[in-house]
């Protein structure tokens, strides 16, 4: 375990692509922006399951998990990741970025998603 009091990173962020969505350009740009802002970024790659994201979040002791969801499966995948993380013992917040209709945001929040960032968010 790293002693965070001496760690120069602003925090540890895990970014993931869950499900069958193979579009990873945006998540890689976000990962680079976070890294350049001083965060330690762990990118799990494409086609992850909720359980593999949860396991990585616990193993890496992350402060937050960011999910890039563009396939329209956000109402299924994001709550599944939140549930898998809680089962694995992680209370790290889960943030969703991608194509999420405004009328789905309240449901995601009720499912435990901490925040939703849509295209153009800063």
N, C-alpha and C. Protein backbone atom coordinates (compact mmCIF):
# COMPACT_ATOMS: atom_id res chain seq x y z
N UNK A 1 0.84 -1.18 0.00
CA UNK A 1 0.00 0.00 0.00
C UNK A 1 0.88 1.25 0.00
N UNK A 2 0.47 2.22 -0.73
CA UNK A 2 1.19 3.48 -0.81
C UNK A 2 0.72 4.41 0.30
N UNK A 3 1.68 5.08 0.96
CA UNK A 3 1.33 6.10 1.94
C UNK A 3 0.95 7.35 1.17
N UNK A 4 -0.32 7.69 1.16
CA UNK A 4 -0.79 8.80 0.34
C UNK A 4 -0.35 10.16 0.87
N UNK A 5 0.11 10.22 2.11
CA UNK A 5 0.55 11.51 2.63
C UNK A 5 1.81 11.99 1.93
N UNK A 6 2.57 11.07 1.33
CA UNK A 6 3.77 11.45 0.60
C UNK A 6 3.61 11.29 -0.90
N UNK A 7 2.46 10.81 -1.33
CA UNK A 7 2.19 10.60 -2.75
C UNK A 7 1.93 11.95 -3.41
N UNK A 8 2.58 12.17 -4.56
CA UNK A 8 2.44 13.45 -5.25
C UNK A 8 1.17 13.53 -6.08
N UNK A 9 0.55 12.41 -6.37
CA UNK A 9 -0.67 12.43 -7.18
C UNK A 9 -1.82 13.06 -6.39
N UNK A 10 -2.73 13.71 -7.10
CA UNK A 10 -3.90 14.33 -6.47
C UNK A 10 -4.90 13.29 -6.02
N UNK A 11 -4.85 12.12 -6.59
CA UNK A 11 -5.76 11.04 -6.27
C UNK A 11 -5.60 9.93 -7.29
N UNK A 12 -6.22 8.80 -7.01
CA UNK A 12 -6.14 7.64 -7.92
C UNK A 12 -7.50 7.46 -8.57
N UNK A 13 -7.51 7.45 -9.89
CA UNK A 13 -8.74 7.34 -10.67
C UNK A 13 -8.65 6.12 -11.56
N UNK A 14 -9.66 5.26 -11.48
CA UNK A 14 -9.75 4.13 -12.39
C UNK A 14 -10.76 4.50 -13.47
N UNK A 15 -10.36 4.38 -14.74
CA UNK A 15 -11.29 4.61 -15.84
C UNK A 15 -11.48 3.31 -16.59
N UNK A 16 -12.72 3.06 -17.00
CA UNK A 16 -13.04 1.75 -17.58
C UNK A 16 -14.08 1.87 -18.68
N UNK A 17 -14.01 0.92 -19.59
CA UNK A 17 -15.03 0.71 -20.62
C UNK A 17 -15.71 -0.61 -20.28
N UNK A 18 -16.98 -0.54 -19.95
CA UNK A 18 -17.72 -1.73 -19.52
C UNK A 18 -18.61 -2.19 -20.66
N UNK A 19 -18.74 -3.50 -20.79
CA UNK A 19 -19.62 -4.05 -21.82
C UNK A 19 -18.94 -4.16 -23.16
N UNK A 20 -19.74 -4.17 -24.21
CA UNK A 20 -19.24 -4.46 -25.56
C UNK A 20 -18.90 -3.23 -26.37
N UNK A 21 -19.00 -2.05 -25.80
CA UNK A 21 -18.68 -0.81 -26.51
C UNK A 21 -17.18 -0.74 -26.76
N UNK A 22 -16.78 -0.66 -28.02
CA UNK A 22 -15.37 -0.62 -28.37
C UNK A 22 -14.83 0.75 -28.68
N UNK A 23 -15.58 1.80 -28.41
CA UNK A 23 -15.14 3.16 -28.69
C UNK A 23 -14.32 3.67 -27.51
N UNK A 24 -13.00 3.77 -27.69
CA UNK A 24 -12.15 4.14 -26.56
C UNK A 24 -11.39 5.44 -26.73
N UNK A 25 -11.62 6.15 -27.81
CA UNK A 25 -10.88 7.40 -28.03
C UNK A 25 -11.16 8.40 -26.91
N UNK A 26 -12.43 8.61 -26.58
CA UNK A 26 -12.80 9.58 -25.56
C UNK A 26 -12.25 9.26 -24.19
N UNK A 27 -12.33 7.98 -23.79
CA UNK A 27 -11.84 7.61 -22.46
C UNK A 27 -10.32 7.78 -22.37
N UNK A 28 -9.63 7.56 -23.48
CA UNK A 28 -8.18 7.77 -23.47
C UNK A 28 -7.84 9.26 -23.37
N UNK A 29 -8.63 10.10 -24.00
CA UNK A 29 -8.43 11.55 -23.88
C UNK A 29 -8.68 11.99 -22.43
N UNK A 30 -9.75 11.50 -21.84
CA UNK A 30 -10.06 11.83 -20.44
C UNK A 30 -8.93 11.35 -19.52
N UNK A 31 -8.44 10.14 -19.75
CA UNK A 31 -7.34 9.61 -18.93
C UNK A 31 -6.11 10.51 -19.04
N UNK A 32 -5.80 10.97 -20.23
CA UNK A 32 -4.64 11.85 -20.41
C UNK A 32 -4.86 13.19 -19.71
N UNK A 33 -6.06 13.75 -19.82
CA UNK A 33 -6.36 15.02 -19.15
C UNK A 33 -6.21 14.87 -17.64
N UNK A 34 -6.74 13.79 -17.09
CA UNK A 34 -6.62 13.55 -15.65
C UNK A 34 -5.15 13.39 -15.24
N UNK A 35 -4.41 12.62 -16.03
CA UNK A 35 -2.99 12.43 -15.73
C UNK A 35 -2.25 13.76 -15.75
N UNK A 36 -2.51 14.57 -16.78
CA UNK A 36 -1.83 15.86 -16.89
C UNK A 36 -2.23 16.81 -15.77
N UNK A 37 -3.40 16.59 -15.16
CA UNK A 37 -3.85 17.41 -14.04
C UNK A 37 -3.30 16.91 -12.71
N UNK A 38 -2.51 15.84 -12.74
CA UNK A 38 -1.86 15.37 -11.53
C UNK A 38 -2.46 14.15 -10.88
N UNK A 39 -3.44 13.54 -11.51
CA UNK A 39 -4.04 12.33 -10.97
C UNK A 39 -3.28 11.10 -11.44
N UNK A 40 -3.26 10.08 -10.61
CA UNK A 40 -2.76 8.78 -11.04
C UNK A 40 -3.93 8.06 -11.68
N UNK A 41 -3.77 7.64 -12.93
CA UNK A 41 -4.87 7.05 -13.69
C UNK A 41 -4.57 5.59 -13.99
N UNK A 42 -5.54 4.75 -13.71
CA UNK A 42 -5.48 3.33 -14.04
C UNK A 42 -6.57 3.09 -15.08
N UNK A 43 -6.17 2.69 -16.29
CA UNK A 43 -7.13 2.42 -17.36
C UNK A 43 -7.22 0.92 -17.55
N UNK A 44 -8.41 0.37 -17.39
CA UNK A 44 -8.57 -1.09 -17.45
C UNK A 44 -8.73 -1.63 -18.86
N UNK A 45 -8.95 -0.76 -19.82
CA UNK A 45 -9.10 -1.23 -21.20
C UNK A 45 -10.55 -1.52 -21.56
N UNK A 46 -10.71 -2.08 -22.75
CA UNK A 46 -12.04 -2.35 -23.31
C UNK A 46 -12.66 -3.62 -22.77
N UNK A 47 -13.98 -3.68 -22.90
CA UNK A 47 -14.77 -4.90 -22.71
C UNK A 47 -14.69 -5.48 -21.29
N UNK A 48 -14.71 -4.60 -20.30
CA UNK A 48 -14.64 -5.05 -18.91
C UNK A 48 -16.03 -5.43 -18.40
N UNK A 49 -16.05 -6.33 -17.45
CA UNK A 49 -17.30 -6.67 -16.77
C UNK A 49 -17.40 -5.82 -15.50
N UNK A 50 -18.59 -5.66 -14.95
CA UNK A 50 -18.71 -4.94 -13.69
C UNK A 50 -17.82 -5.53 -12.60
N UNK A 51 -17.70 -6.85 -12.58
CA UNK A 51 -16.89 -7.51 -11.55
C UNK A 51 -15.40 -7.23 -11.72
N UNK A 52 -14.91 -7.17 -12.96
CA UNK A 52 -13.48 -6.88 -13.15
C UNK A 52 -13.17 -5.43 -12.80
N UNK A 53 -14.11 -4.53 -13.08
CA UNK A 53 -13.91 -3.13 -12.69
C UNK A 53 -13.88 -3.02 -11.17
N UNK A 54 -14.80 -3.69 -10.50
CA UNK A 54 -14.84 -3.66 -9.04
C UNK A 54 -13.56 -4.24 -8.44
N UNK A 55 -13.10 -5.36 -8.97
CA UNK A 55 -11.87 -5.98 -8.46
C UNK A 55 -10.68 -5.05 -8.66
N UNK A 56 -10.59 -4.41 -9.82
CA UNK A 56 -9.49 -3.48 -10.07
C UNK A 56 -9.58 -2.27 -9.14
N UNK A 57 -10.78 -1.78 -8.88
CA UNK A 57 -10.96 -0.64 -7.98
C UNK A 57 -10.46 -0.98 -6.57
N UNK A 58 -10.77 -2.18 -6.12
CA UNK A 58 -10.32 -2.61 -4.79
C UNK A 58 -8.81 -2.85 -4.80
N UNK A 59 -8.32 -3.58 -5.79
CA UNK A 59 -6.88 -3.89 -5.87
C UNK A 59 -6.03 -2.63 -5.95
N UNK A 60 -6.51 -1.64 -6.68
CA UNK A 60 -5.74 -0.40 -6.89
C UNK A 60 -6.04 0.66 -5.83
N UNK A 61 -6.98 0.39 -4.93
CA UNK A 61 -7.34 1.32 -3.85
C UNK A 61 -7.63 2.72 -4.40
N UNK A 62 -8.52 2.78 -5.39
CA UNK A 62 -8.78 4.05 -6.07
C UNK A 62 -9.72 4.95 -5.27
N UNK A 63 -9.65 6.22 -5.59
CA UNK A 63 -10.51 7.22 -4.96
C UNK A 63 -11.83 7.40 -5.69
N UNK A 64 -11.83 7.10 -6.98
CA UNK A 64 -13.03 7.27 -7.81
C UNK A 64 -12.92 6.36 -9.03
N UNK A 65 -14.07 5.95 -9.55
CA UNK A 65 -14.14 5.15 -10.77
C UNK A 65 -14.92 5.94 -11.80
N UNK A 66 -14.35 6.05 -13.00
CA UNK A 66 -15.02 6.70 -14.11
C UNK A 66 -15.35 5.69 -15.18
N UNK A 67 -16.61 5.64 -15.57
CA UNK A 67 -17.06 4.72 -16.62
C UNK A 67 -17.37 5.52 -17.87
N UNK A 68 -16.83 5.08 -19.00
CA UNK A 68 -17.16 5.67 -20.29
C UNK A 68 -18.20 4.78 -20.94
N UNK A 69 -19.40 5.31 -21.13
CA UNK A 69 -20.51 4.53 -21.68
C UNK A 69 -21.12 5.26 -22.86
N UNK A 70 -21.00 4.66 -24.03
CA UNK A 70 -21.52 5.27 -25.24
C UNK A 70 -22.54 4.40 -25.95
N UNK A 71 -22.74 3.20 -25.46
CA UNK A 71 -23.53 2.21 -26.20
C UNK A 71 -25.02 2.25 -25.90
N UNK A 72 -25.44 3.07 -24.95
CA UNK A 72 -26.85 3.10 -24.57
C UNK A 72 -27.20 2.12 -23.47
N UNK A 73 -26.21 1.42 -22.95
CA UNK A 73 -26.46 0.44 -21.89
C UNK A 73 -26.18 1.00 -20.50
N UNK A 74 -26.18 2.31 -20.37
CA UNK A 74 -25.82 2.94 -19.10
C UNK A 74 -26.75 2.56 -17.96
N UNK A 75 -28.05 2.36 -18.23
CA UNK A 75 -28.98 2.01 -17.16
C UNK A 75 -28.80 0.58 -16.66
N UNK A 76 -28.14 -0.24 -17.43
CA UNK A 76 -27.83 -1.61 -17.02
C UNK A 76 -26.43 -1.70 -16.43
N UNK A 77 -25.45 -1.14 -17.15
CA UNK A 77 -24.05 -1.34 -16.77
C UNK A 77 -23.61 -0.51 -15.57
N UNK A 78 -23.98 0.75 -15.51
CA UNK A 78 -23.53 1.58 -14.39
C UNK A 78 -24.05 1.07 -13.05
N UNK A 79 -25.34 0.76 -12.90
CA UNK A 79 -25.80 0.19 -11.63
C UNK A 79 -25.13 -1.15 -11.30
N UNK A 80 -24.83 -1.94 -12.33
CA UNK A 80 -24.15 -3.22 -12.09
C UNK A 80 -22.74 -3.00 -11.56
N UNK A 81 -22.06 -1.97 -12.05
CA UNK A 81 -20.72 -1.66 -11.54
C UNK A 81 -20.82 -1.19 -10.09
N UNK A 82 -21.76 -0.30 -9.81
CA UNK A 82 -21.94 0.19 -8.42
C UNK A 82 -22.20 -0.99 -7.49
N UNK A 83 -23.09 -1.88 -7.88
CA UNK A 83 -23.41 -3.05 -7.03
C UNK A 83 -22.20 -3.95 -6.85
N UNK A 84 -21.46 -4.20 -7.93
CA UNK A 84 -20.27 -5.06 -7.83
C UNK A 84 -19.22 -4.42 -6.94
N UNK A 85 -19.08 -3.11 -7.01
CA UNK A 85 -18.10 -2.43 -6.16
C UNK A 85 -18.49 -2.52 -4.69
N UNK A 86 -19.75 -2.32 -4.39
CA UNK A 86 -20.19 -2.40 -2.99
C UNK A 86 -20.02 -3.83 -2.47
N UNK A 87 -20.32 -4.82 -3.30
CA UNK A 87 -20.14 -6.22 -2.92
C UNK A 87 -18.66 -6.52 -2.66
N UNK A 88 -17.78 -5.90 -3.46
CA UNK A 88 -16.34 -6.12 -3.32
C UNK A 88 -15.74 -5.33 -2.16
N UNK A 89 -16.54 -4.47 -1.54
CA UNK A 89 -16.07 -3.72 -0.39
C UNK A 89 -15.56 -2.32 -0.69
N UNK A 90 -15.80 -1.81 -1.89
CA UNK A 90 -15.36 -0.46 -2.24
C UNK A 90 -16.52 0.52 -2.15
N UNK A 91 -16.26 1.64 -1.51
CA UNK A 91 -17.24 2.72 -1.45
C UNK A 91 -16.84 3.90 -2.34
N UNK A 92 -15.86 3.67 -3.22
CA UNK A 92 -15.42 4.74 -4.12
C UNK A 92 -16.60 5.19 -4.99
N UNK A 93 -16.72 6.49 -5.20
CA UNK A 93 -17.81 6.97 -6.06
C UNK A 93 -17.61 6.52 -7.50
N UNK A 94 -18.72 6.30 -8.19
CA UNK A 94 -18.71 5.93 -9.60
C UNK A 94 -19.31 7.09 -10.39
N UNK A 95 -18.55 7.55 -11.38
CA UNK A 95 -18.98 8.65 -12.24
C UNK A 95 -19.10 8.10 -13.65
N UNK A 96 -20.16 8.49 -14.34
CA UNK A 96 -20.40 8.04 -15.71
C UNK A 96 -20.17 9.21 -16.66
N UNK A 97 -19.45 8.93 -17.74
CA UNK A 97 -19.28 9.90 -18.80
C UNK A 97 -19.70 9.29 -20.11
N UNK A 98 -20.34 10.09 -20.95
CA UNK A 98 -20.73 9.59 -22.26
C UNK A 98 -22.09 10.07 -22.68
N UNK A 99 -22.71 9.28 -23.53
CA UNK A 99 -24.01 9.62 -24.08
C UNK A 99 -25.09 9.13 -23.12
N UNK A 100 -25.61 10.04 -22.31
CA UNK A 100 -26.65 9.70 -21.34
C UNK A 100 -27.77 10.72 -21.48
N UNK A 101 -28.95 10.28 -21.89
CA UNK A 101 -30.08 11.21 -22.00
C UNK A 101 -30.42 11.83 -20.65
N UNK A 102 -30.83 13.08 -20.66
CA UNK A 102 -31.16 13.79 -19.43
C UNK A 102 -32.20 13.06 -18.60
N UNK A 103 -33.15 12.41 -19.25
CA UNK A 103 -34.21 11.73 -18.50
C UNK A 103 -33.74 10.46 -17.78
N UNK A 104 -32.50 10.02 -18.03
CA UNK A 104 -31.95 8.84 -17.35
C UNK A 104 -31.08 9.20 -16.14
N UNK A 105 -30.74 10.45 -16.00
CA UNK A 105 -29.78 10.84 -14.95
C UNK A 105 -30.30 10.59 -13.54
N UNK A 106 -31.56 10.88 -13.28
CA UNK A 106 -32.11 10.64 -11.94
C UNK A 106 -32.08 9.16 -11.59
N UNK A 107 -32.40 8.31 -12.55
CA UNK A 107 -32.37 6.87 -12.29
C UNK A 107 -30.95 6.39 -11.98
N UNK A 108 -29.96 6.93 -12.69
CA UNK A 108 -28.57 6.56 -12.40
C UNK A 108 -28.18 7.01 -11.00
N UNK A 109 -28.58 8.19 -10.61
CA UNK A 109 -28.26 8.68 -9.26
C UNK A 109 -28.93 7.81 -8.20
N UNK A 110 -30.18 7.41 -8.44
CA UNK A 110 -30.87 6.52 -7.49
C UNK A 110 -30.16 5.17 -7.39
N UNK A 111 -29.49 4.77 -8.46
CA UNK A 111 -28.77 3.49 -8.48
C UNK A 111 -27.39 3.61 -7.85
N UNK A 112 -27.02 4.81 -7.39
CA UNK A 112 -25.75 4.97 -6.70
C UNK A 112 -24.65 5.64 -7.49
N UNK A 113 -24.93 6.07 -8.71
CA UNK A 113 -23.94 6.78 -9.51
C UNK A 113 -23.77 8.18 -8.93
N UNK A 114 -22.53 8.57 -8.68
CA UNK A 114 -22.25 9.84 -8.02
C UNK A 114 -22.41 11.05 -8.93
N UNK A 115 -22.19 10.85 -10.23
CA UNK A 115 -22.30 11.96 -11.15
C UNK A 115 -22.32 11.48 -12.59
N UNK A 116 -22.85 12.32 -13.46
CA UNK A 116 -22.93 12.01 -14.89
C UNK A 116 -22.38 13.20 -15.66
N UNK A 117 -21.42 12.92 -16.52
CA UNK A 117 -20.82 13.95 -17.37
C UNK A 117 -21.15 13.64 -18.81
N UNK A 118 -21.83 14.54 -19.47
CA UNK A 118 -22.21 14.34 -20.86
C UNK A 118 -21.22 15.07 -21.78
N UNK A 119 -21.28 14.83 -23.08
CA UNK A 119 -20.33 15.49 -23.99
C UNK A 119 -20.31 17.00 -23.79
N UNK A 120 -19.10 17.54 -23.76
CA UNK A 120 -18.92 18.97 -23.57
C UNK A 120 -18.73 19.38 -22.12
N UNK A 121 -18.88 18.44 -21.19
CA UNK A 121 -18.71 18.76 -19.76
C UNK A 121 -17.26 19.15 -19.50
N UNK A 122 -17.08 20.07 -18.57
CA UNK A 122 -15.72 20.47 -18.19
C UNK A 122 -15.52 20.31 -16.70
